[in-house]
Protein backbone atom coordinates (compact mmCIF):
# COMPACT_ATOMS: atom_id res chain seq x y z
CA MET A 1 23.41 8.94 -9.00
CA HIS A 2 23.33 6.24 -6.60
CA VAL A 3 26.01 4.83 -4.42
CA TYR A 4 25.62 0.80 -4.62
CA ALA A 5 26.25 -1.27 -1.76
CA ASN A 6 29.48 -3.00 -3.52
CA GLU A 7 31.07 0.56 -2.77
CA LEU A 8 30.47 0.84 0.58
CA CYS A 9 32.81 -1.23 2.43
CA HIS A 10 32.29 -3.07 6.12
CA MET A 11 29.08 -0.69 6.62
CA SER A 12 27.39 -3.07 8.89
CA ASN A 13 28.29 -3.61 12.60
CA ILE A 14 29.98 -0.33 12.49
CA HIS A 15 31.37 0.95 15.93
CA GLU A 16 31.59 4.44 15.71
CA SER A 17 34.54 5.15 17.46
CA ARG A 18 36.54 2.42 15.30
CA SER A 19 34.45 2.72 12.51
CA ARG A 20 35.91 2.10 8.78
CA LEU A 21 35.26 5.38 6.29
CA PRO A 22 33.82 4.25 3.09
CA ILE A 23 35.22 3.80 -0.09
CA GLY A 24 33.71 4.70 -3.48
CA SER A 25 34.61 4.11 -7.18
CA LEU A 26 35.55 7.66 -7.31
CA VAL A 27 36.71 8.94 -4.04
CA SER A 28 37.45 7.02 -0.73
CA LEU A 29 36.90 9.25 2.70
CA ARG A 30 39.44 8.90 5.49
CA ARG A 31 40.52 10.82 8.52
CA ILE A 32 42.62 13.58 7.96
CA GLU A 33 46.44 12.85 8.36
CA ALA A 34 49.08 15.36 9.55
CA ALA A 35 50.39 15.24 5.87
CA ASP A 36 46.97 16.85 4.84
CA LEU A 37 47.40 19.93 6.81
CA PRO A 38 49.63 22.26 4.10
CA GLN A 39 46.91 21.67 1.71
CA ILE A 40 43.72 22.46 4.16
CA TYR A 41 44.71 25.81 5.72
CA ARG A 42 44.02 27.90 2.63
CA PHE A 43 40.21 26.60 3.00
CA PRO A 44 39.71 28.15 6.74
CA PHE A 45 36.21 26.64 7.81
CA THR A 46 36.62 23.44 6.10
CA VAL A 47 37.52 21.45 9.21
CA SER A 48 35.99 23.63 11.60
CA ILE A 49 32.86 25.47 11.11
CA ARG A 50 33.07 27.32 14.45
CA GLU A 51 36.28 29.11 13.87
CA PRO A 52 38.37 29.90 10.70
CA LEU A 53 41.60 28.16 10.35
CA ASP A 54 43.39 29.59 8.47
CA ASN A 55 47.40 29.27 9.11
CA GLU A 56 49.22 26.47 9.26
CA ALA A 57 49.93 27.07 13.30
CA ASP A 58 46.49 27.33 14.49
CA LEU A 59 45.14 24.31 12.07
CA LYS A 60 48.45 22.07 13.64
CA THR A 61 47.22 22.78 17.33
CA ALA A 62 43.87 21.99 16.69
CA PHE A 63 44.41 18.55 14.82
CA GLU A 64 46.86 17.49 17.80
CA GLU A 65 43.79 18.27 20.19
CA THR A 66 41.01 16.32 18.49
CA GLY A 67 42.21 15.08 14.97
CA PHE A 68 39.52 17.11 14.34
CA TRP A 69 37.01 14.37 15.17
CA THR A 70 34.75 14.47 18.43
CA THR A 71 31.51 12.62 19.38
CA ASP A 72 29.26 15.64 17.44
CA ALA A 73 31.43 16.82 14.69
CA GLY A 74 34.17 15.36 12.60
CA ALA A 75 36.28 16.35 9.28
CA ILE A 76 37.17 14.09 6.82
CA ALA A 77 39.84 14.06 4.06
CA ILE A 78 38.32 13.11 0.10
CA VAL A 79 40.57 11.48 -1.79
CA ALA A 80 40.59 9.74 -5.27
CA SER A 81 39.95 6.03 -5.20
CA ALA A 82 42.53 5.05 -7.68
CA ASN A 83 45.72 6.85 -6.51
CA GLY A 84 44.73 8.04 -2.94
CA ARG A 85 45.23 11.76 -4.05
CA PHE A 86 44.08 14.36 -1.82
CA LEU A 87 41.18 16.00 -3.53
CA GLY A 88 39.54 18.07 -0.50
CA THR A 89 37.22 17.50 2.70
CA ALA A 90 33.85 17.31 4.51
CA GLN A 91 32.50 17.73 7.63
CA PHE A 92 29.69 17.23 10.06
CA TYR A 93 28.58 19.18 13.02
CA ARG A 94 25.53 19.31 15.35
CA ALA A 95 23.07 21.97 12.96
CA ALA A 96 21.97 23.30 16.14
CA PRO A 97 21.24 22.63 19.81
CA CYS A 98 17.61 22.16 19.21
CA ILE A 99 17.58 20.13 15.90
CA HIS A 100 18.40 16.45 15.99
CA GLY A 101 20.52 16.35 13.14
CA LEU A 102 23.88 17.01 11.86
CA GLU A 103 24.81 19.50 8.91
CA LEU A 104 27.62 18.93 6.36
CA GLY A 105 29.65 21.03 4.26
CA TYR A 106 32.31 20.02 1.66
CA ILE A 107 34.73 21.32 -0.72
CA ILE A 108 36.94 20.03 -3.65
CA HIS A 109 40.20 22.41 -3.38
CA GLN A 110 40.98 22.60 -7.20
CA ALA A 111 38.87 23.90 -9.89
CA SER A 112 40.41 21.32 -12.27
CA ASP A 113 38.99 18.45 -9.73
CA ARG A 114 35.23 19.75 -9.78
CA GLY A 115 32.38 18.74 -11.85
CA GLN A 116 33.59 15.35 -12.19
CA GLY A 117 31.56 13.71 -9.61
CA ALA A 118 33.88 13.51 -6.88
CA ALA A 119 32.10 15.76 -4.48
CA THR A 120 28.72 14.18 -5.35
CA GLN A 121 29.89 10.65 -4.21
CA ALA A 122 31.66 11.93 -1.11
CA VAL A 123 28.60 13.36 0.11
CA ARG A 124 26.58 9.98 -0.42
CA LEU A 125 29.48 7.84 1.06
CA LEU A 126 29.35 10.39 4.03
CA THR A 127 25.54 10.62 4.49
CA ASP A 128 24.99 7.12 4.18
CA TYR A 129 28.04 6.29 6.71
CA LEU A 130 26.73 8.92 9.19
CA PHE A 131 23.16 7.21 9.28
CA VAL A 132 24.39 3.65 9.96
CA ALA A 133 27.19 4.89 12.61
CA LYS A 134 25.09 7.29 14.47
CA GLN A 135 21.30 6.08 15.22
CA SER A 136 20.55 8.96 16.91
CA VAL A 137 20.66 10.89 13.77
CA HIS A 138 17.26 11.46 12.07
CA ARG A 139 18.04 14.25 9.75
CA ILE A 140 21.09 15.49 7.63
CA GLN A 141 21.04 19.13 6.14
CA LEU A 142 23.16 20.84 4.02
CA LEU A 143 23.10 25.11 4.01
CA ILE A 144 24.13 26.50 0.54
CA GLU A 145 24.08 29.99 -0.49
CA ALA A 146 21.28 30.69 -3.24
CA TRP A 147 24.16 32.03 -5.77
CA ASN A 148 26.02 28.46 -5.80
CA VAL A 149 23.85 26.53 -8.32
CA PRO A 150 26.33 23.58 -8.75
CA SER A 151 26.08 22.90 -5.24
CA TRP A 152 22.60 22.74 -4.63
CA LYS A 153 22.21 20.78 -7.75
CA LEU A 154 24.83 18.45 -5.88
CA ALA A 155 22.24 18.26 -3.42
CA GLU A 156 19.59 17.37 -5.19
CA ARG A 157 21.80 14.78 -7.25
CA CYS A 158 22.47 13.11 -3.87
CA ALA A 159 18.09 13.37 -2.70
CA PHE A 160 18.41 16.25 -0.58
CA VAL A 161 15.04 17.83 -0.24
CA ARG A 162 14.96 21.86 -0.42
CA GLU A 163 13.28 22.47 2.60
CA GLY A 164 12.81 26.62 2.53
CA LEU A 165 15.10 29.94 2.31
CA LEU A 166 17.45 31.03 5.07
CA ARG A 167 17.73 35.40 4.46
CA SER A 168 21.05 36.61 5.18
CA ALA A 169 22.71 33.14 6.71
CA GLY A 170 26.05 33.20 4.78
CA PHE A 171 29.23 34.15 5.55
CA GLY A 172 30.79 37.65 5.07
CA ASP A 173 30.01 41.13 5.71
CA GLU A 174 26.83 40.96 3.59
CA PRO A 175 25.80 37.41 4.13
CA ALA A 176 24.18 35.73 1.07
CA ASP A 177 20.59 34.17 1.47
CA CYS A 178 21.01 30.19 1.55
CA TYR A 179 18.84 27.33 0.61
CA VAL A 180 18.50 24.98 3.59
CA TYR A 181 18.32 20.92 2.12
CA SER A 182 17.78 17.96 4.07
CA ARG A 183 17.43 14.32 4.11
CA THR A 184 16.05 12.50 6.65
CA ARG A 185 16.48 8.80 8.05
CA THR A 186 13.04 7.54 6.74
CA ASP A 187 14.28 9.46 3.13
CA TRP A 188 17.43 7.06 3.50
CA ARG A 189 15.58 4.06 4.56
CA GLU A 190 13.48 4.20 1.85
CA GLU A 191 15.99 4.92 -1.20
CA GLN A 192 17.92 1.57 0.52
CA ASN A 193 14.66 -0.60 -0.08
CA GLY A 194 13.95 1.34 -3.40
CA PRO A 195 14.36 -0.20 -6.66
CA LEU A 196 17.39 1.71 -7.79
CA ARG A 197 19.23 0.64 -4.55
CA MET A 198 18.07 -2.96 -5.19
CA GLY A 199 19.70 -3.04 -8.43
CA LEU A 200 16.45 -3.77 -10.10
């Protein structure tokens, strides 16, 4: 599935601090608002990978401090393009101090909204946005627990390449093995100029 140019609004001349998040045919991305918080706190790592924000008070405090948006990390709402209904969240953050790239996380909150292409398009839109808005980023990666077949199939639909396996890298008392997927700026640039992107 490809996100074509007419689904990315105002992606040229982006200034990182005031850039407009993209709109797709199925979903749109926007900054998180205070009204979203009651829907988010049940999913503790979806707006902050560094600490679980699993109660409304802590979530509100964190939101008031940064709006979940800093120079090297951010969280956004995934909403339906047709009516603005809140579907889930996605976030980006530095993958590691020694890796000059970002890692993404994403979740569609309700099971009834999954499997319909929303997460796929959200990941596509966010990846495109980050490569345009953050010129210093040359790599975007996903860390996906090996049992999560729908998620790593989504990664492959979004042109991410599986690089290997990190053992015991997931969450929990008995962390699961995780696949590492990446998409580089070179991959992205080549796709932008390829026949599918050009509509040929």
